[in-house]
Amino acid sequence: MESEEETLDLFRYLVEGVLLVMFGALGCVGNLMCIITFSQKLAQKSFHHLMLCLAIFDLLYILMSIMLFGLPTLYPYLRKFSWYAYLVPVMLPMAQVGLTGSIYLTVAISIERYTTVVHPFFKLSHAWSSWIYI
């Protein structure tokens, strides 16, 4: 019984702590590169706006997941600080906003790509902004 509990604690430490923070940091770097790239495009099209918003929502979700789940697993004493206890009720809804925004923007990008590929002449005759898809 003791061995299973230690194995579970080690697994939780490696997955929720080390791997979440490592892949989260990689995701943050990737999303920051996307934000820089899509904000500097010369021809700002609706696809670029949608991808920029998606990168922002993804970055928000990744940062909140690292703060809520990754760092407290790596540093258990972090949960004992009073300022962390005040931040959790703020970070958890922000993580949910980031997740929901990512889902909705993925659907919006799918609709935009569908109209571009399947109905190209409709897309040319109707110059919709990215806010219509959102």
N, C-alpha and C. Protein backbone atom coordinates (compact mmCIF):
# COMPACT_ATOMS: atom_id res chain seq x y z
N MET A 1 0.82 -1.19 0.00
CA MET A 1 0.00 0.00 0.00
C MET A 1 0.86 1.26 0.00
N GLU A 2 1.89 1.26 0.81
CA GLU A 2 2.79 2.40 0.90
C GLU A 2 3.52 2.62 -0.42
N SER A 3 3.88 1.54 -1.07
CA SER A 3 4.61 1.63 -2.34
C SER A 3 3.73 2.22 -3.44
N GLU A 4 2.46 1.84 -3.46
CA GLU A 4 1.54 2.37 -4.46
C GLU A 4 1.33 3.87 -4.26
N GLU A 5 1.25 4.29 -3.01
CA GLU A 5 1.06 5.70 -2.72
C GLU A 5 2.28 6.52 -3.12
N GLU A 6 3.47 5.99 -2.87
CA GLU A 6 4.69 6.68 -3.28
C GLU A 6 4.80 6.74 -4.80
N THR A 7 4.42 5.65 -5.46
CA THR A 7 4.45 5.63 -6.92
C THR A 7 3.46 6.65 -7.49
N LEU A 8 2.28 6.73 -6.89
CA LEU A 8 1.28 7.71 -7.35
C LEU A 8 1.77 9.14 -7.12
N ASP A 9 2.40 9.39 -5.99
CA ASP A 9 2.95 10.73 -5.72
C ASP A 9 4.06 11.10 -6.70
N LEU A 10 4.91 10.13 -7.00
CA LEU A 10 5.99 10.38 -7.98
C LEU A 10 5.41 10.63 -9.36
N PHE A 11 4.39 9.85 -9.75
CA PHE A 11 3.74 10.04 -11.05
C PHE A 11 3.09 11.41 -11.12
N ARG A 12 2.39 11.81 -10.06
CA ARG A 12 1.74 13.12 -10.02
C ARG A 12 2.78 14.24 -10.11
N TYR A 13 3.89 14.07 -9.41
CA TYR A 13 4.95 15.07 -9.44
C TYR A 13 5.53 15.22 -10.85
N LEU A 14 5.76 14.07 -11.50
CA LEU A 14 6.36 14.12 -12.84
C LEU A 14 5.39 14.66 -13.89
N VAL A 15 4.14 14.21 -13.84
CA VAL A 15 3.18 14.61 -14.88
C VAL A 15 2.63 16.01 -14.62
N GLU A 16 2.05 16.22 -13.42
CA GLU A 16 1.44 17.52 -13.12
C GLU A 16 2.46 18.60 -12.85
N GLY A 17 3.62 18.21 -12.40
CA GLY A 17 4.64 19.20 -12.08
C GLY A 17 5.61 19.44 -13.21
N VAL A 18 6.47 18.47 -13.44
CA VAL A 18 7.58 18.66 -14.38
C VAL A 18 7.08 18.77 -15.82
N LEU A 19 6.29 17.79 -16.28
CA LEU A 19 5.87 17.79 -17.68
C LEU A 19 4.93 18.95 -18.01
N LEU A 20 4.01 19.25 -17.08
CA LEU A 20 3.08 20.36 -17.33
C LEU A 20 3.83 21.67 -17.46
N VAL A 21 4.80 21.90 -16.61
CA VAL A 21 5.56 23.16 -16.68
C VAL A 21 6.44 23.20 -17.92
N MET A 22 7.07 22.06 -18.26
CA MET A 22 7.93 22.02 -19.45
C MET A 22 7.12 22.27 -20.73
N PHE A 23 6.05 21.51 -20.92
CA PHE A 23 5.25 21.69 -22.12
C PHE A 23 4.49 23.02 -22.10
N GLY A 24 4.13 23.49 -20.91
CA GLY A 24 3.50 24.81 -20.81
C GLY A 24 4.44 25.92 -21.22
N ALA A 25 5.71 25.81 -20.80
CA ALA A 25 6.69 26.82 -21.21
C ALA A 25 6.90 26.79 -22.73
N LEU A 26 6.95 25.59 -23.29
CA LEU A 26 7.07 25.46 -24.74
C LEU A 26 5.85 26.06 -25.45
N GLY A 27 4.66 25.81 -24.89
CA GLY A 27 3.44 26.39 -25.45
C GLY A 27 3.42 27.90 -25.35
N CYS A 28 3.92 28.43 -24.24
CA CYS A 28 3.99 29.89 -24.08
C CYS A 28 4.90 30.52 -25.13
N VAL A 29 6.04 29.90 -25.35
CA VAL A 29 6.97 30.41 -26.36
C VAL A 29 6.33 30.36 -27.75
N GLY A 30 5.68 29.26 -28.07
CA GLY A 30 5.02 29.13 -29.37
C GLY A 30 3.91 30.14 -29.55
N ASN A 31 3.09 30.33 -28.53
CA ASN A 31 2.00 31.29 -28.64
C ASN A 31 2.51 32.73 -28.69
N LEU A 32 3.58 33.03 -27.97
CA LEU A 32 4.16 34.38 -28.07
C LEU A 32 4.71 34.63 -29.47
N MET A 33 5.32 33.61 -30.06
CA MET A 33 5.80 33.77 -31.45
C MET A 33 4.63 33.98 -32.41
N CYS A 34 3.52 33.27 -32.19
CA CYS A 34 2.34 33.46 -33.04
C CYS A 34 1.76 34.86 -32.85
N ILE A 35 1.71 35.34 -31.61
CA ILE A 35 1.19 36.68 -31.36
C ILE A 35 2.04 37.73 -32.05
N ILE A 36 3.35 37.59 -31.97
CA ILE A 36 4.25 38.54 -32.64
C ILE A 36 4.08 38.46 -34.15
N THR A 37 4.01 37.24 -34.68
CA THR A 37 3.90 37.06 -36.13
C THR A 37 2.59 37.61 -36.67
N PHE A 38 1.46 37.23 -36.03
CA PHE A 38 0.16 37.64 -36.57
C PHE A 38 -0.17 39.10 -36.28
N SER A 39 0.48 39.72 -35.32
CA SER A 39 0.23 41.14 -35.08
C SER A 39 1.03 42.02 -36.02
N GLN A 40 2.07 41.47 -36.67
CA GLN A 40 2.90 42.26 -37.58
C GLN A 40 2.60 42.00 -39.05
N LYS A 41 1.58 41.22 -39.35
CA LYS A 41 1.26 40.94 -40.75
C LYS A 41 0.88 42.23 -41.47
N LEU A 42 1.40 42.38 -42.66
CA LEU A 42 1.08 43.58 -43.44
C LEU A 42 -0.35 43.53 -43.95
N ALA A 43 -0.75 42.39 -44.47
CA ALA A 43 -2.12 42.22 -44.95
C ALA A 43 -2.94 41.59 -43.84
N GLN A 44 -3.59 42.41 -43.04
CA GLN A 44 -4.38 41.89 -41.93
C GLN A 44 -5.71 41.35 -42.46
N LYS A 45 -5.80 40.04 -42.51
CA LYS A 45 -7.03 39.40 -42.96
C LYS A 45 -7.75 38.82 -41.76
N SER A 46 -8.99 38.39 -42.00
CA SER A 46 -9.78 37.87 -40.88
C SER A 46 -9.14 36.62 -40.29
N PHE A 47 -8.49 35.81 -41.12
CA PHE A 47 -7.82 34.62 -40.61
C PHE A 47 -6.71 34.99 -39.63
N HIS A 48 -5.95 36.03 -39.94
CA HIS A 48 -4.87 36.47 -39.06
C HIS A 48 -5.41 36.99 -37.72
N HIS A 49 -6.52 37.71 -37.78
CA HIS A 49 -7.13 38.20 -36.54
C HIS A 49 -7.61 37.04 -35.68
N LEU A 50 -8.24 36.05 -36.32
CA LEU A 50 -8.74 34.90 -35.57
C LEU A 50 -7.59 34.12 -34.95
N MET A 51 -6.51 33.94 -35.70
CA MET A 51 -5.36 33.21 -35.16
C MET A 51 -4.68 34.00 -34.03
N LEU A 52 -4.64 35.30 -34.14
CA LEU A 52 -4.09 36.13 -33.07
C LEU A 52 -4.91 36.00 -31.79
N CYS A 53 -6.22 36.06 -31.92
CA CYS A 53 -7.08 35.90 -30.75
C CYS A 53 -6.95 34.50 -30.16
N LEU A 54 -6.84 33.49 -31.00
CA LEU A 54 -6.67 32.12 -30.52
C LEU A 54 -5.37 31.97 -29.74
N ALA A 55 -4.30 32.56 -30.24
CA ALA A 55 -3.01 32.49 -29.54
C ALA A 55 -3.08 33.19 -28.18
N ILE A 56 -3.82 34.29 -28.10
CA ILE A 56 -3.97 35.01 -26.83
C ILE A 56 -4.75 34.17 -25.82
N PHE A 57 -5.85 33.58 -26.25
CA PHE A 57 -6.64 32.75 -25.35
C PHE A 57 -5.87 31.50 -24.93
N ASP A 58 -5.13 30.90 -25.86
CA ASP A 58 -4.32 29.74 -25.51
C ASP A 58 -3.23 30.10 -24.50
N LEU A 59 -2.61 31.24 -24.70
CA LEU A 59 -1.58 31.69 -23.77
C LEU A 59 -2.16 31.92 -22.38
N LEU A 60 -3.34 32.50 -22.33
CA LEU A 60 -4.00 32.72 -21.04
C LEU A 60 -4.27 31.39 -20.34
N TYR A 61 -4.78 30.41 -21.09
CA TYR A 61 -5.08 29.12 -20.49
C TYR A 61 -3.81 28.40 -20.01
N ILE A 62 -2.78 28.45 -20.81
CA ILE A 62 -1.52 27.78 -20.43
C ILE A 62 -0.92 28.41 -19.17
N LEU A 63 -0.88 29.74 -19.12
CA LEU A 63 -0.32 30.41 -17.95
C LEU A 63 -1.12 30.10 -16.69
N MET A 64 -2.45 30.10 -16.80
CA MET A 64 -3.27 29.81 -15.64
C MET A 64 -3.13 28.34 -15.21
N SER A 65 -2.98 27.44 -16.15
CA SER A 65 -2.79 26.02 -15.81
C SER A 65 -1.47 25.80 -15.10
N ILE A 66 -0.44 26.48 -15.56
CA ILE A 66 0.86 26.36 -14.88
C ILE A 66 0.76 26.91 -13.47
N MET A 67 0.12 28.06 -13.32
CA MET A 67 0.02 28.68 -11.99
C MET A 67 -0.88 27.88 -11.05
N LEU A 68 -1.96 27.28 -11.58
CA LEU A 68 -2.90 26.56 -10.73
C LEU A 68 -2.46 25.13 -10.41
N PHE A 69 -1.85 24.45 -11.38
CA PHE A 69 -1.59 23.02 -11.21
C PHE A 69 -0.11 22.66 -11.20
N GLY A 70 0.69 23.30 -12.05
CA GLY A 70 2.09 22.93 -12.19
C GLY A 70 2.96 23.39 -11.04
N LEU A 71 2.92 24.69 -10.76
CA LEU A 71 3.78 25.23 -9.71
C LEU A 71 3.44 24.71 -8.31
N PRO A 72 2.16 24.58 -7.93
CA PRO A 72 1.88 24.01 -6.60
C PRO A 72 2.32 22.55 -6.46
N THR A 73 2.38 21.81 -7.57
CA THR A 73 2.86 20.43 -7.49
C THR A 73 4.37 20.41 -7.33
N LEU A 74 5.06 21.30 -8.02
CA LEU A 74 6.51 21.37 -7.87
C LEU A 74 6.93 21.94 -6.52
N TYR A 75 6.21 22.95 -6.07
CA TYR A 75 6.53 23.62 -4.81
C TYR A 75 5.29 23.57 -3.90
N PRO A 76 5.12 22.50 -3.12
CA PRO A 76 3.91 22.36 -2.30
C PRO A 76 3.72 23.47 -1.27
N TYR A 77 4.79 24.09 -0.81
CA TYR A 77 4.66 25.16 0.18
C TYR A 77 4.02 26.41 -0.41
N LEU A 78 3.88 26.49 -1.73
CA LEU A 78 3.26 27.64 -2.39
C LEU A 78 1.81 27.80 -1.96
N ARG A 79 1.12 26.69 -1.70
CA ARG A 79 -0.28 26.74 -1.30
C ARG A 79 -0.47 27.37 0.08
N LYS A 80 0.57 27.46 0.86
CA LYS A 80 0.46 28.00 2.21
C LYS A 80 0.53 29.52 2.27
N PHE A 81 0.95 30.15 1.19
CA PHE A 81 1.02 31.61 1.16
C PHE A 81 -0.38 32.20 1.04
N SER A 82 -0.62 33.27 1.76
CA SER A 82 -1.96 33.88 1.73
C SER A 82 -2.26 34.52 0.38
N TRP A 83 -1.25 35.09 -0.26
CA TRP A 83 -1.50 35.73 -1.56
C TRP A 83 -1.90 34.70 -2.61
N TYR A 84 -1.40 33.49 -2.51
CA TYR A 84 -1.79 32.45 -3.48
C TYR A 84 -3.25 32.06 -3.26
N ALA A 85 -3.67 32.01 -2.01
CA ALA A 85 -5.07 31.68 -1.72
C ALA A 85 -6.02 32.74 -2.26
N TYR A 86 -5.57 33.98 -2.30
CA TYR A 86 -6.41 35.04 -2.88
C TYR A 86 -6.40 35.02 -4.40
N LEU A 87 -5.34 34.50 -5.00
CA LEU A 87 -5.25 34.48 -6.46
C LEU A 87 -6.01 33.32 -7.10
N VAL A 88 -6.16 32.23 -6.38
CA VAL A 88 -6.82 31.05 -6.96
C VAL A 88 -8.24 31.35 -7.42
N PRO A 89 -9.09 32.03 -6.64
CA PRO A 89 -10.45 32.33 -7.13
C PRO A 89 -10.47 33.26 -8.35
N VAL A 90 -9.37 33.92 -8.62
CA VAL A 90 -9.29 34.78 -9.81
C VAL A 90 -8.72 33.98 -10.99
N MET A 91 -7.72 33.15 -10.72
CA MET A 91 -7.06 32.41 -11.80
C MET A 91 -7.93 31.30 -12.38
N LEU A 92 -8.72 30.65 -11.54
CA LEU A 92 -9.55 29.55 -12.04
C LEU A 92 -10.58 30.01 -13.06
N PRO A 93 -11.34 31.10 -12.81
CA PRO A 93 -12.24 31.58 -13.87
C PRO A 93 -11.49 32.08 -15.11
N MET A 94 -10.31 32.67 -14.91
CA MET A 94 -9.54 33.11 -16.07
C MET A 94 -9.11 31.92 -16.92
N ALA A 95 -8.77 30.81 -16.28
CA ALA A 95 -8.42 29.61 -17.03
C ALA A 95 -9.62 29.10 -17.82
N GLN A 96 -10.80 29.17 -17.21
CA GLN A 96 -12.01 28.72 -17.90
C GLN A 96 -12.35 29.65 -19.07
N VAL A 97 -12.12 30.94 -18.90
CA VAL A 97 -12.33 31.89 -20.00
C VAL A 97 -11.37 31.58 -21.14
N GLY A 98 -10.11 31.31 -20.80
CA GLY A 98 -9.13 30.97 -21.84
C GLY A 98 -9.51 29.69 -22.58
N LEU A 99 -9.98 28.69 -21.86
CA LEU A 99 -10.38 27.42 -22.49
C LEU A 99 -11.61 27.62 -23.37
N THR A 100 -12.60 28.33 -22.86
CA THR A 100 -13.82 28.57 -23.64
C THR A 100 -13.53 29.42 -24.88
N GLY A 101 -12.70 30.44 -24.71
CA GLY A 101 -12.33 31.27 -25.86
C GLY A 101 -11.57 30.48 -26.92
N SER A 102 -10.71 29.58 -26.49
CA SER A 102 -9.98 28.74 -27.45
C SER A 102 -10.93 27.84 -28.23
N ILE A 103 -11.91 27.29 -27.54
CA ILE A 103 -12.88 26.42 -28.22
C ILE A 103 -13.70 27.21 -29.23
N TYR A 104 -14.24 28.37 -28.81
CA TYR A 104 -15.04 29.17 -29.72
C TYR A 104 -14.23 29.68 -30.91
N LEU A 105 -13.00 30.06 -30.68
CA LEU A 105 -12.18 30.55 -31.79
C LEU A 105 -11.77 29.43 -32.73
N THR A 106 -11.61 28.21 -32.21
CA THR A 106 -11.35 27.07 -33.09
C THR A 106 -12.55 26.83 -34.01
N VAL A 107 -13.75 26.95 -33.46
CA VAL A 107 -14.96 26.81 -34.29
C VAL A 107 -15.04 27.94 -35.30
N ALA A 108 -14.73 29.17 -34.88
CA ALA A 108 -14.78 30.32 -35.79
C ALA A 108 -13.76 30.16 -36.93
N ILE A 109 -12.58 29.68 -36.62
CA ILE A 109 -11.57 29.45 -37.66
C ILE A 109 -12.03 28.35 -38.60
N SER A 110 -12.67 27.33 -38.08
CA SER A 110 -13.19 26.25 -38.93
C SER A 110 -14.25 26.78 -39.89
N ILE A 111 -15.13 27.63 -39.40
CA ILE A 111 -16.16 28.22 -40.27
C ILE A 111 -15.53 29.12 -41.32
N GLU A 112 -14.56 29.92 -40.91
CA GLU A 112 -13.88 30.81 -41.87
C GLU A 112 -13.15 30.01 -42.94
N ARG A 113 -12.46 28.96 -42.55
CA ARG A 113 -11.74 28.12 -43.51
C ARG A 113 -12.73 27.39 -44.42
N TYR A 114 -13.85 26.95 -43.88
CA TYR A 114 -14.86 26.26 -44.69
C TYR A 114 -15.39 27.19 -45.77
N THR A 115 -15.74 28.43 -45.40
CA THR A 115 -16.25 29.35 -46.41
C THR A 115 -15.17 29.72 -47.43
N THR A 116 -13.93 29.76 -47.01
CA THR A 116 -12.85 30.09 -47.93
C THR A 116 -12.61 28.97 -48.94
N VAL A 117 -12.63 27.72 -48.48
CA VAL A 117 -12.30 26.60 -49.35
C VAL A 117 -13.50 26.13 -50.16
N VAL A 118 -14.65 25.98 -49.53
CA VAL A 118 -15.80 25.40 -50.20
C VAL A 118 -16.57 26.43 -51.01
N HIS A 119 -16.66 27.65 -50.53
CA HIS A 119 -17.41 28.71 -51.21
C HIS A 119 -16.50 29.91 -51.46
N PRO A 120 -15.51 29.78 -52.34
CA PRO A 120 -14.55 30.89 -52.51
C PRO A 120 -15.18 32.15 -53.11
N PHE A 121 -16.18 32.00 -54.00
CA PHE A 121 -16.77 33.19 -54.60
C PHE A 121 -17.66 33.93 -53.61
N PHE A 122 -18.29 33.19 -52.70
CA PHE A 122 -19.05 33.84 -51.63
C PHE A 122 -18.12 34.65 -50.75
N LYS A 123 -16.97 34.08 -50.48
CA LYS A 123 -15.97 34.77 -49.65
C LYS A 123 -15.48 36.05 -50.33
N LEU A 124 -15.30 36.00 -51.65
CA LEU A 124 -14.83 37.18 -52.36
C LEU A 124 -15.91 38.26 -52.44
N SER A 125 -17.16 37.86 -52.58
CA SER A 125 -18.23 38.85 -52.72
C SER A 125 -18.68 39.43 -51.38
N HIS A 126 -18.40 38.73 -50.29
CA HIS A 126 -18.76 39.21 -48.96
C HIS A 126 -17.48 39.39 -48.13
N ALA A 127 -17.04 40.59 -48.00
CA ALA A 127 -15.81 40.87 -47.24
C ALA A 127 -16.16 40.99 -45.76
N TRP A 128 -16.25 39.84 -45.10
CA TRP A 128 -16.59 39.81 -43.69
C TRP A 128 -15.36 40.06 -42.84
N SER A 129 -15.55 40.79 -41.77
CA SER A 129 -14.44 40.98 -40.84
C SER A 129 -14.37 39.79 -39.90
N SER A 130 -13.31 39.71 -39.14
CA SER A 130 -13.14 38.58 -38.23
C SER A 130 -14.18 38.60 -37.11
N TRP A 131 -14.72 39.78 -36.78
CA TRP A 131 -15.69 39.87 -35.69
C TRP A 131 -17.00 39.19 -36.06
N ILE A 132 -17.32 39.08 -37.33
CA ILE A 132 -18.54 38.39 -37.74
C ILE A 132 -18.42 36.90 -37.44
N TYR A 133 -17.24 36.35 -37.64
CA TYR A 133 -17.04 34.92 -37.34
C TYR A 133 -17.08 34.66 -35.85
N ILE A 134 -16.58 35.59 -35.09
CA ILE A 134 -16.56 35.42 -33.62
C ILE A 134 -17.96 35.56 -33.09
